[in-house]
Amino acid sequence: MPHTPEEKKRAITRLRRIRGQAEALESAIDAGTSCSQVLQQLAAVRGAVNGLMAEVLEGHLRENFGPDAVTAGDPAQTIDEVAALVRSYLK
């Protein structure tokens, strides 16, 4: 999760863009837009969500394994948690 005010602002901006894309997609489907255009919009939404996921995942990795890691506890458990996140991201 983004922790600094700058990271939070960047994530919120991305989420608002994603929301706008989703609303445009809804309007396109409601208007009967061609499948190729709807698929293109779907790909754009997926790309935006993947970008946000990658950014949050990178922050998580840096927080847990970077030079200023704040993780306390079992490192193996932390690695298992991150591996599970990566697996869910790749699905």
PDB file of N, CA and C in Angstrom:
ATOM      1  N   MET A   1       0.848  -1.175   0.000  1.00  0.00           N
ATOM      2  CA  MET A   1       0.000   0.000   0.000  1.00  0.00           C
ATOM      3  C   MET A   1       0.892   1.237   0.000  1.00  0.00           C
ATOM      4  N   PRO A   2       0.513   2.238  -0.771  1.00  0.00           N
ATOM      5  CA  PRO A   2       1.306   3.468  -0.764  1.00  0.00           C
ATOM      6  C   PRO A   2       1.302   4.103   0.621  1.00  0.00           C
ATOM      7  N   HIS A   3       2.462   4.557   1.063  1.00  0.00           N
ATOM      8  CA  HIS A   3       2.568   5.093   2.411  1.00  0.00           C
ATOM      9  C   HIS A   3       2.834   6.586   2.451  1.00  0.00           C
ATOM     10  N   THR A   4       3.641   7.078   1.540  1.00  0.00           N
ATOM     11  CA  THR A   4       3.954   8.499   1.575  1.00  0.00           C
ATOM     12  C   THR A   4       2.812   9.281   0.918  1.00  0.00           C
ATOM     13  N   PRO A   5       2.667  10.537   1.260  1.00  0.00           N
ATOM     14  CA  PRO A   5       1.620  11.356   0.627  1.00  0.00           C
ATOM     15  C   PRO A   5       1.747  11.385  -0.900  1.00  0.00           C
ATOM     16  N   GLU A   6       2.977  11.415  -1.394  1.00  0.00           N
ATOM     17  CA  GLU A   6       3.187  11.434  -2.840  1.00  0.00           C
ATOM     18  C   GLU A   6       2.725  10.125  -3.482  1.00  0.00           C
ATOM     19  N   GLU A   7       3.066   8.989  -2.852  1.00  0.00           N
ATOM     20  CA  GLU A   7       2.648   7.685  -3.366  1.00  0.00           C
ATOM     21  C   GLU A   7       1.129   7.553  -3.339  1.00  0.00           C
ATOM     22  N   LYS A   8       0.510   8.014  -2.257  1.00  0.00           N
ATOM     23  CA  LYS A   8      -0.957   7.953  -2.155  1.00  0.00           C
ATOM     24  C   LYS A   8      -1.604   8.807  -3.230  1.00  0.00           C
ATOM     25  N   LYS A   9      -1.076   9.997  -3.445  1.00  0.00           N
ATOM     26  CA  LYS A   9      -1.633  10.886  -4.461  1.00  0.00           C
ATOM     27  C   LYS A   9      -1.519  10.246  -5.839  1.00  0.00           C
ATOM     28  N   ARG A  10      -0.372   9.645  -6.121  1.00  0.00           N
ATOM     29  CA  ARG A  10      -0.169   8.994  -7.414  1.00  0.00           C
ATOM     30  C   ARG A  10      -1.140   7.813  -7.590  1.00  0.00           C
ATOM     31  N   ALA A  11      -1.337   7.032  -6.532  1.00  0.00           N
ATOM     32  CA  ALA A  11      -2.254   5.891  -6.613  1.00  0.00           C
ATOM     33  C   ALA A  11      -3.691   6.363  -6.801  1.00  0.00           C
ATOM     34  N   ILE A  12      -4.092   7.396  -6.080  1.00  0.00           N
ATOM     35  CA  ILE A  12      -5.453   7.933  -6.222  1.00  0.00           C
ATOM     36  C   ILE A  12      -5.667   8.475  -7.634  1.00  0.00           C
ATOM     37  N   THR A  13      -4.659   9.141  -8.183  1.00  0.00           N
ATOM     38  CA  THR A  13      -4.762   9.648  -9.555  1.00  0.00           C
ATOM     39  C   THR A  13      -4.956   8.503 -10.536  1.00  0.00           C
ATOM     40  N   ARG A  14      -4.192   7.443 -10.365  1.00  0.00           N
ATOM     41  CA  ARG A  14      -4.346   6.270 -11.231  1.00  0.00           C
ATOM     42  C   ARG A  14      -5.740   5.658 -11.083  1.00  0.00           C
ATOM     43  N   LEU A  15      -6.207   5.561  -9.843  1.00  0.00           N
ATOM     44  CA  LEU A  15      -7.534   4.976  -9.615  1.00  0.00           C
ATOM     45  C   LEU A  15      -8.632   5.819 -10.263  1.00  0.00           C
ATOM     46  N   ARG A  16      -8.497   7.120 -10.199  1.00  0.00           N
ATOM     47  CA  ARG A  16      -9.493   7.989 -10.835  1.00  0.00           C
ATOM     48  C   ARG A  16      -9.468   7.812 -12.347  1.00  0.00           C
ATOM     49  N   ARG A  17      -8.273   7.649 -12.903  1.00  0.00           N
ATOM     50  CA  ARG A  17      -8.166   7.406 -14.339  1.00  0.00           C
ATOM     51  C   ARG A  17      -8.824   6.068 -14.694  1.00  0.00           C
ATOM     52  N   ILE A  18      -8.583   5.062 -13.876  1.00  0.00           N
ATOM     53  CA  ILE A  18      -9.191   3.743 -14.105  1.00  0.00           C
ATOM     54  C   ILE A  18     -10.712   3.845 -14.018  1.00  0.00           C
ATOM     55  N   ARG A  19     -11.198   4.582 -13.023  1.00  0.00           N
ATOM     56  CA  ARG A  19     -12.647   4.755 -12.889  1.00  0.00           C
ATOM     57  C   ARG A  19     -13.212   5.416 -14.141  1.00  0.00           C
ATOM     58  N   GLY A  20     -12.533   6.437 -14.658  1.00  0.00           N
ATOM     59  CA  GLY A  20     -12.974   7.099 -15.880  1.00  0.00           C
ATOM     60  C   GLY A  20     -12.991   6.150 -17.062  1.00  0.00           C
ATOM     61  N   GLN A  21     -11.973   5.305 -17.150  1.00  0.00           N
ATOM     62  CA  GLN A  21     -11.930   4.321 -18.227  1.00  0.00           C
ATOM     63  C   GLN A  21     -13.075   3.317 -18.094  1.00  0.00           C
ATOM     64  N   ALA A  22     -13.360   2.891 -16.869  1.00  0.00           N
ATOM     65  CA  ALA A  22     -14.449   1.937 -16.649  1.00  0.00           C
ATOM     66  C   ALA A  22     -15.799   2.569 -16.996  1.00  0.00           C
ATOM     67  N   GLU A  23     -15.966   3.830 -16.639  1.00  0.00           N
ATOM     68  CA  GLU A  23     -17.216   4.513 -16.985  1.00  0.00           C
ATOM     69  C   GLU A  23     -17.352   4.672 -18.495  1.00  0.00           C
ATOM     70  N   ALA A  24     -16.253   4.977 -19.178  1.00  0.00           N
ATOM     71  CA  ALA A  24     -16.284   5.076 -20.639  1.00  0.00           C
ATOM     72  C   ALA A  24     -16.609   3.724 -21.262  1.00  0.00           C
ATOM     73  N   LEU A  25     -16.081   2.677 -20.677  1.00  0.00           N
ATOM     74  CA  LEU A  25     -16.370   1.324 -21.162  1.00  0.00           C
ATOM     75  C   LEU A  25     -17.848   1.000 -20.993  1.00  0.00           C
ATOM     76  N   GLU A  26     -18.403   1.351 -19.835  1.00  0.00           N
ATOM     77  CA  GLU A  26     -19.826   1.127 -19.594  1.00  0.00           C
ATOM     78  C   GLU A  26     -20.666   1.881 -20.625  1.00  0.00           C
ATOM     79  N   SER A  27     -20.302   3.119 -20.887  1.00  0.00           N
ATOM     80  CA  SER A  27     -21.037   3.921 -21.866  1.00  0.00           C
ATOM     81  C   SER A  27     -20.923   3.313 -23.259  1.00  0.00           C
ATOM     82  N   ALA A  28     -19.746   2.828 -23.599  1.00  0.00           N
ATOM     83  CA  ALA A  28     -19.541   2.226 -24.918  1.00  0.00           C
ATOM     84  C   ALA A  28     -20.412   0.986 -25.088  1.00  0.00           C
ATOM     85  N   ILE A  29     -20.463   0.170 -24.047  1.00  0.00           N
ATOM     86  CA  ILE A  29     -21.290  -1.040 -24.123  1.00  0.00           C
ATOM     87  C   ILE A  29     -22.757  -0.672 -24.193  1.00  0.00           C
ATOM     88  N   ASP A  30     -23.172   0.302 -23.399  1.00  0.00           N
ATOM     89  CA  ASP A  30     -24.560   0.754 -23.410  1.00  0.00           C
ATOM     90  C   ASP A  30     -24.950   1.318 -24.770  1.00  0.00           C
ATOM     91  N   ALA A  31     -23.997   1.972 -25.428  1.00  0.00           N
ATOM     92  CA  ALA A  31     -24.281   2.590 -26.729  1.00  0.00           C
ATOM     93  C   ALA A  31     -24.176   1.603 -27.878  1.00  0.00           C
ATOM     94  N   GLY A  32     -23.763   0.376 -27.592  1.00  0.00           N
ATOM     95  CA  GLY A  32     -23.661  -0.624 -28.648  1.00  0.00           C
ATOM     96  C   GLY A  32     -22.434  -0.441 -29.522  1.00  0.00           C
ATOM     97  N   THR A  33     -21.387   0.080 -28.948  1.00  0.00           N
ATOM     98  CA  THR A  33     -20.140   0.290 -29.682  1.00  0.00           C
ATOM     99  C   THR A  33     -19.609  -1.048 -30.189  1.00  0.00           C
ATOM    100  N   SER A  34     -18.870  -0.994 -31.283  1.00  0.00           N
ATOM    101  CA  SER A  34     -18.364  -2.224 -31.898  1.00  0.00           C
ATOM    102  C   SER A  34     -17.483  -3.003 -30.930  1.00  0.00           C
ATOM    103  N   CYS A  35     -17.463  -4.306 -31.132  1.00  0.00           N
ATOM    104  CA  CYS A  35     -16.676  -5.191 -30.254  1.00  0.00           C
ATOM    105  C   CYS A  35     -15.204  -4.815 -30.268  1.00  0.00           C
ATOM    106  N   SER A  36     -14.670  -4.459 -31.419  1.00  0.00           N
ATOM    107  CA  SER A  36     -13.242  -4.144 -31.478  1.00  0.00           C
ATOM    108  C   SER A  36     -12.917  -2.930 -30.620  1.00  0.00           C
ATOM    109  N   GLN A  37     -13.768  -1.929 -30.604  1.00  0.00           N
ATOM    110  CA  GLN A  37     -13.532  -0.755 -29.769  1.00  0.00           C
ATOM    111  C   GLN A  37     -13.698  -1.082 -28.290  1.00  0.00           C
ATOM    112  N   VAL A  38     -14.677  -1.914 -27.970  1.00  0.00           N
ATOM    113  CA  VAL A  38     -14.876  -2.327 -26.575  1.00  0.00           C
ATOM    114  C   VAL A  38     -13.668  -3.131 -26.097  1.00  0.00           C
ATOM    115  N   LEU A  39     -13.184  -4.029 -26.949  1.00  0.00           N
ATOM    116  CA  LEU A  39     -12.007  -4.821 -26.578  1.00  0.00           C
ATOM    117  C   LEU A  39     -10.782  -3.929 -26.374  1.00  0.00           C
ATOM    118  N   GLN A  40     -10.659  -2.916 -27.201  1.00  0.00           N
ATOM    119  CA  GLN A  40      -9.539  -1.985 -27.046  1.00  0.00           C
ATOM    120  C   GLN A  40      -9.645  -1.249 -25.712  1.00  0.00           C
ATOM    121  N   GLN A  41     -10.851  -0.825 -25.342  1.00  0.00           N
ATOM    122  CA  GLN A  41     -11.048  -0.153 -24.057  1.00  0.00           C
ATOM    123  C   GLN A  41     -10.809  -1.110 -22.894  1.00  0.00           C
ATOM    124  N   LEU A  42     -11.231  -2.356 -23.053  1.00  0.00           N
ATOM    125  CA  LEU A  42     -10.970  -3.354 -22.011  1.00  0.00           C
ATOM    126  C   LEU A  42      -9.470  -3.547 -21.811  1.00  0.00           C
ATOM    127  N   ALA A  43      -8.723  -3.596 -22.908  1.00  0.00           N
ATOM    128  CA  ALA A  43      -7.275  -3.747 -22.816  1.00  0.00           C
ATOM    129  C   ALA A  43      -6.652  -2.537 -22.112  1.00  0.00           C
ATOM    130  N   ALA A  44      -7.183  -1.359 -22.371  1.00  0.00           N
ATOM    131  CA  ALA A  44      -6.665  -0.153 -21.715  1.00  0.00           C
ATOM    132  C   ALA A  44      -6.932  -0.193 -20.212  1.00  0.00           C
ATOM    133  N   VAL A  45      -8.123  -0.644 -19.824  1.00  0.00           N
ATOM    134  CA  VAL A  45      -8.453  -0.754 -18.398  1.00  0.00           C
ATOM    135  C   VAL A  45      -7.551  -1.791 -17.739  1.00  0.00           C
ATOM    136  N   ARG A  46      -7.390  -2.913 -18.400  1.00  0.00           N
ATOM    137  CA  ARG A  46      -6.518  -3.961 -17.853  1.00  0.00           C
ATOM    138  C   ARG A  46      -5.090  -3.442 -17.698  1.00  0.00           C
ATOM    139  N   GLY A  47      -4.601  -2.716 -18.677  1.00  0.00           N
ATOM    140  CA  GLY A  47      -3.257  -2.155 -18.605  1.00  0.00           C
ATOM    141  C   GLY A  47      -3.122  -1.175 -17.446  1.00  0.00           C
ATOM    142  N   ALA A  48      -4.143  -0.361 -17.256  1.00  0.00           N
ATOM    143  CA  ALA A  48      -4.106   0.611 -16.162  1.00  0.00           C
ATOM    144  C   ALA A  48      -4.111  -0.089 -14.804  1.00  0.00           C
ATOM    145  N   VAL A  49      -4.929  -1.105 -14.657  1.00  0.00           N
ATOM    146  CA  VAL A  49      -4.980  -1.860 -13.398  1.00  0.00           C
ATOM    147  C   VAL A  49      -3.657  -2.589 -13.174  1.00  0.00           C
ATOM    148  N   ASN A  50      -3.106  -3.171 -14.233  1.00  0.00           N
ATOM    149  CA  ASN A  50      -1.821  -3.849 -14.101  1.00  0.00           C
ATOM    150  C   ASN A  50      -0.720  -2.865 -13.704  1.00  0.00           C
ATOM    151  N   GLY A  51      -0.755  -1.672 -14.250  1.00  0.00           N
ATOM    152  CA  GLY A  51       0.227  -0.657 -13.887  1.00  0.00           C
ATOM    153  C   GLY A  51       0.138  -0.284 -12.426  1.00  0.00           C
ATOM    154  N   LEU A  52      -1.081  -0.115 -11.938  1.00  0.00           N
ATOM    155  CA  LEU A  52      -1.275   0.198 -10.523  1.00  0.00           C
ATOM    156  C   LEU A  52      -0.815  -0.966  -9.651  1.00  0.00           C
ATOM    157  N   MET A  53      -1.157  -2.172 -10.049  1.00  0.00           N
ATOM    158  CA  MET A  53      -0.750  -3.360  -9.298  1.00  0.00           C
ATOM    159  C   MET A  53       0.760  -3.455  -9.235  1.00  0.00           C
ATOM    160  N   ALA A  54       1.431  -3.212 -10.345  1.00  0.00           N
ATOM    161  CA  ALA A  54       2.888  -3.281 -10.375  1.00  0.00           C
ATOM    162  C   ALA A  54       3.505  -2.223  -9.463  1.00  0.00           C
ATOM    163  N   GLU A  55       2.938  -1.032  -9.475  1.00  0.00           N
ATOM    164  CA  GLU A  55       3.465   0.045  -8.634  1.00  0.00           C
ATOM    165  C   GLU A  55       3.308  -0.279  -7.149  1.00  0.00           C
ATOM    166  N   VAL A  56       2.147  -0.774  -6.765  1.00  0.00           N
ATOM    167  CA  VAL A  56       1.912  -1.116  -5.362  1.00  0.00           C
ATOM    168  C   VAL A  56       2.778  -2.311  -4.958  1.00  0.00           C
ATOM    169  N   LEU A  57       2.898  -3.283  -5.847  1.00  0.00           N
ATOM    170  CA  LEU A  57       3.734  -4.454  -5.565  1.00  0.00           C
ATOM    171  C   LEU A  57       5.197  -4.041  -5.408  1.00  0.00           C
ATOM    172  N   GLU A  58       5.674  -3.157  -6.256  1.00  0.00           N
ATOM    173  CA  GLU A  58       7.046  -2.681  -6.136  1.00  0.00           C
ATOM    174  C   GLU A  58       7.272  -1.978  -4.793  1.00  0.00           C
ATOM    175  N   GLY A  59       6.326  -1.143  -4.397  1.00  0.00           N
ATOM    176  CA  GLY A  59       6.436  -0.475  -3.106  1.00  0.00           C
ATOM    177  C   GLY A  59       6.474  -1.469  -1.963  1.00  0.00           C
ATOM    178  N   HIS A  60       5.655  -2.496  -2.076  1.00  0.00           N
ATOM    179  CA  HIS A  60       5.619  -3.539  -1.047  1.00  0.00           C
ATOM    180  C   HIS A  60       6.960  -4.264  -0.964  1.00  0.00           C
ATOM    181  N   LEU A  61       7.522  -4.598  -2.127  1.00  0.00           N
ATOM    182  CA  LEU A  61       8.811  -5.284  -2.145  1.00  0.00           C
ATOM    183  C   LEU A  61       9.917  -4.415  -1.560  1.00  0.00           C
ATOM    184  N   ARG A  62       9.910  -3.145  -1.937  1.00  0.00           N
ATOM    185  CA  ARG A  62      10.935  -2.235  -1.411  1.00  0.00           C
ATOM    186  C   ARG A  62      10.786  -2.071   0.108  1.00  0.00           C
ATOM    187  N   GLU A  63       9.552  -2.012   0.558  1.00  0.00           N
ATOM    188  CA  GLU A  63       9.291  -1.857   1.993  1.00  0.00           C
ATOM    189  C   GLU A  63       9.776  -3.064   2.780  1.00  0.00           C
ATOM    190  N   ASN A  64       9.610  -4.245   2.187  1.00  0.00           N
ATOM    191  CA  ASN A  64       9.947  -5.468   2.910  1.00  0.00           C
ATOM    192  C   ASN A  64      11.369  -5.962   2.695  1.00  0.00           C
ATOM    193  N   PHE A  65      11.978  -5.585   1.560  1.00  0.00           N
ATOM    194  CA  PHE A  65      13.300  -6.134   1.256  1.00  0.00           C
ATOM    195  C   PHE A  65      14.339  -5.074   0.908  1.00  0.00           C
ATOM    196  N   GLY A  66      13.946  -3.822   0.858  1.00  0.00           N
ATOM    197  CA  GLY A  66      14.878  -2.756   0.533  1.00  0.00           C
ATOM    198  C   GLY A  66      15.837  -2.458   1.668  1.00  0.00           C
ATOM    199  N   PRO A  67      16.743  -1.521   1.438  1.00  0.00           N
ATOM    200  CA  PRO A  67      17.750  -1.202   2.458  1.00  0.00           C
ATOM    201  C   PRO A  67      17.144  -0.674   3.767  1.00  0.00           C
ATOM    202  N   ASP A  68      15.961  -0.095   3.667  1.00  0.00           N
ATOM    203  CA  ASP A  68      15.306   0.434   4.867  1.00  0.00           C
ATOM    204  C   ASP A  68      14.107  -0.428   5.263  1.00  0.00           C
ATOM    205  N   ALA A  69      14.203  -1.739   5.030  1.00  0.00           N
ATOM    206  CA  ALA A  69      13.092  -2.648   5.289  1.00  0.00           C
ATOM    207  C   ALA A  69      12.578  -2.498   6.707  1.00  0.00           C
ATOM    208  N   VAL A  70      11.248  -2.436   6.810  1.00  0.00           N
ATOM    209  CA  VAL A  70      10.625  -2.254   8.119  1.00  0.00           C
ATOM    210  C   VAL A  70       9.984  -3.533   8.625  1.00  0.00           C
ATOM    211  N   THR A  71      10.111  -4.617   7.864  1.00  0.00           N
ATOM    212  CA  THR A  71       9.475  -5.872   8.239  1.00  0.00           C
ATOM    213  C   THR A  71      10.149  -6.479   9.458  1.00  0.00           C
ATOM    214  N   ALA A  72       9.339  -6.803  10.424  1.00  0.00           N
ATOM    215  CA  ALA A  72       9.833  -7.531  11.591  1.00  0.00           C
ATOM    216  C   ALA A  72       9.228  -8.927  11.537  1.00  0.00           C
ATOM    217  N   GLY A  73       9.925  -9.869  12.029  1.00  0.00           N
ATOM    218  CA  GLY A  73       9.379 -11.214  12.048  1.00  0.00           C
ATOM    219  C   GLY A  73      10.152 -12.145  11.131  1.00  0.00           C
ATOM    220  N   ASP A  74       9.501 -13.194  10.746  1.00  0.00           N
ATOM    221  CA  ASP A  74      10.095 -14.274   9.975  1.00  0.00           C
ATOM    222  C   ASP A  74      10.257 -13.882   8.502  1.00  0.00           C
ATOM    223  N   PRO A  75      11.489 -13.775   8.001  1.00  0.00           N
ATOM    224  CA  PRO A  75      11.689 -13.423   6.596  1.00  0.00           C
ATOM    225  C   PRO A  75      11.087 -14.451   5.642  1.00  0.00           C
ATOM    226  N   ALA A  76      11.107 -15.717   6.017  1.00  0.00           N
ATOM    227  CA  ALA A  76      10.537 -16.758   5.154  1.00  0.00           C
ATOM    228  C   ALA A  76       9.040 -16.545   4.978  1.00  0.00           C
ATOM    229  N   GLN A  77       8.363 -16.138   6.030  1.00  0.00           N
ATOM    230  CA  GLN A  77       6.936 -15.877   5.938  1.00  0.00           C
ATOM    231  C   GLN A  77       6.679 -14.679   5.022  1.00  0.00           C
ATOM    232  N   THR A  78       7.509 -13.659   5.133  1.00  0.00           N
ATOM    233  CA  THR A  78       7.369 -12.488   4.276  1.00  0.00           C
ATOM    234  C   THR A  78       7.561 -12.872   2.818  1.00  0.00           C
ATOM    235  N   ILE A  79       8.548 -13.712   2.540  1.00  0.00           N
ATOM    236  CA  ILE A  79       8.786 -14.179   1.172  1.00  0.00           C
ATOM    237  C   ILE A  79       7.586 -14.969   0.674  1.00  0.00           C
ATOM    238  N   ASP A  80       7.013 -15.824   1.507  1.00  0.00           N
ATOM    239  CA  ASP A  80       5.821 -16.587   1.117  1.00  0.00           C
ATOM    240  C   ASP A  80       4.664 -15.662   0.778  1.00  0.00           C
ATOM    241  N   GLU A  81       4.485 -14.617   1.571  1.00  0.00           N
ATOM    242  CA  GLU A  81       3.404 -13.661   1.320  1.00  0.00           C
ATOM    243  C   GLU A  81       3.614 -12.933  -0.007  1.00  0.00           C
ATOM    244  N   VAL A  82       4.839 -12.511  -0.254  1.00  0.00           N
ATOM    245  CA  VAL A  82       5.143 -11.810  -1.503  1.00  0.00           C
ATOM    246  C   VAL A  82       4.985 -12.762  -2.692  1.00  0.00           C
ATOM    247  N   ALA A  83       5.425 -13.994  -2.548  1.00  0.00           N
ATOM    248  CA  ALA A  83       5.274 -14.976  -3.626  1.00  0.00           C
ATOM    249  C   ALA A  83       3.795 -15.194  -3.946  1.00  0.00           C
ATOM    250  N   ALA A  84       2.961 -15.249  -2.930  1.00  0.00           N
ATOM    251  CA  ALA A  84       1.521 -15.405  -3.153  1.00  0.00           C
ATOM    252  C   ALA A  84       0.959 -14.183  -3.886  1.00  0.00           C
ATOM    253  N   LEU A  85       1.436 -12.991  -3.534  1.00  0.00           N
ATOM    254  CA  LEU A  85       1.005 -11.785  -4.244  1.00  0.00           C
ATOM    255  C   LEU A  85       1.402 -11.840  -5.710  1.00  0.00           C
ATOM    256  N   VAL A  86       2.621 -12.248  -5.979  1.00  0.00           N
ATOM    257  CA  VAL A  86       3.097 -12.326  -7.365  1.00  0.00           C
ATOM    258  C   VAL A  86       2.284 -13.363  -8.135  1.00  0.00           C
ATOM    259  N   ARG A  87       2.004 -14.507  -7.511  1.00  0.00           N
ATOM    260  CA  ARG A  87       1.196 -15.531  -8.188  1.00  0.00           C
ATOM    261  C   ARG A  87      -0.190 -14.985  -8.527  1.00  0.00           C
ATOM    262  N   SER A  88      -0.815 -14.284  -7.598  1.00  0.00           N
ATOM    263  CA  SER A  88      -2.153 -13.727  -7.877  1.00  0.00           C
ATOM    264  C   SER A  88      -2.080 -12.652  -8.942  1.00  0.00           C
ATOM    265  N   TYR A  89      -0.990 -11.896  -8.973  1.00  0.00           N
ATOM    266  CA  TYR A  89      -0.799 -10.852  -9.984  1.00  0.00           C
ATOM    267  C   TYR A  89      -0.677 -11.458 -11.370  1.00  0.00           C
ATOM    268  N   LEU A  90      -0.026 -12.597 -11.468  1.00  0.00           N
ATOM    269  CA  LEU A  90       0.223 -13.218 -12.761  1.00  0.00           C
ATOM    270  C   LEU A  90      -0.955 -14.021 -13.297  1.00  0.00           C
ATOM    271  N   LYS A  91      -1.985 -14.223 -12.515  1.00  0.00           N
ATOM    272  CA  LYS A  91      -3.154 -14.987 -12.978  1.00  0.00           C
ATOM    273  C   LYS A  91      -3.911 -14.232 -14.031  1.00  0.00           C
TER     274      LYS A  91
END
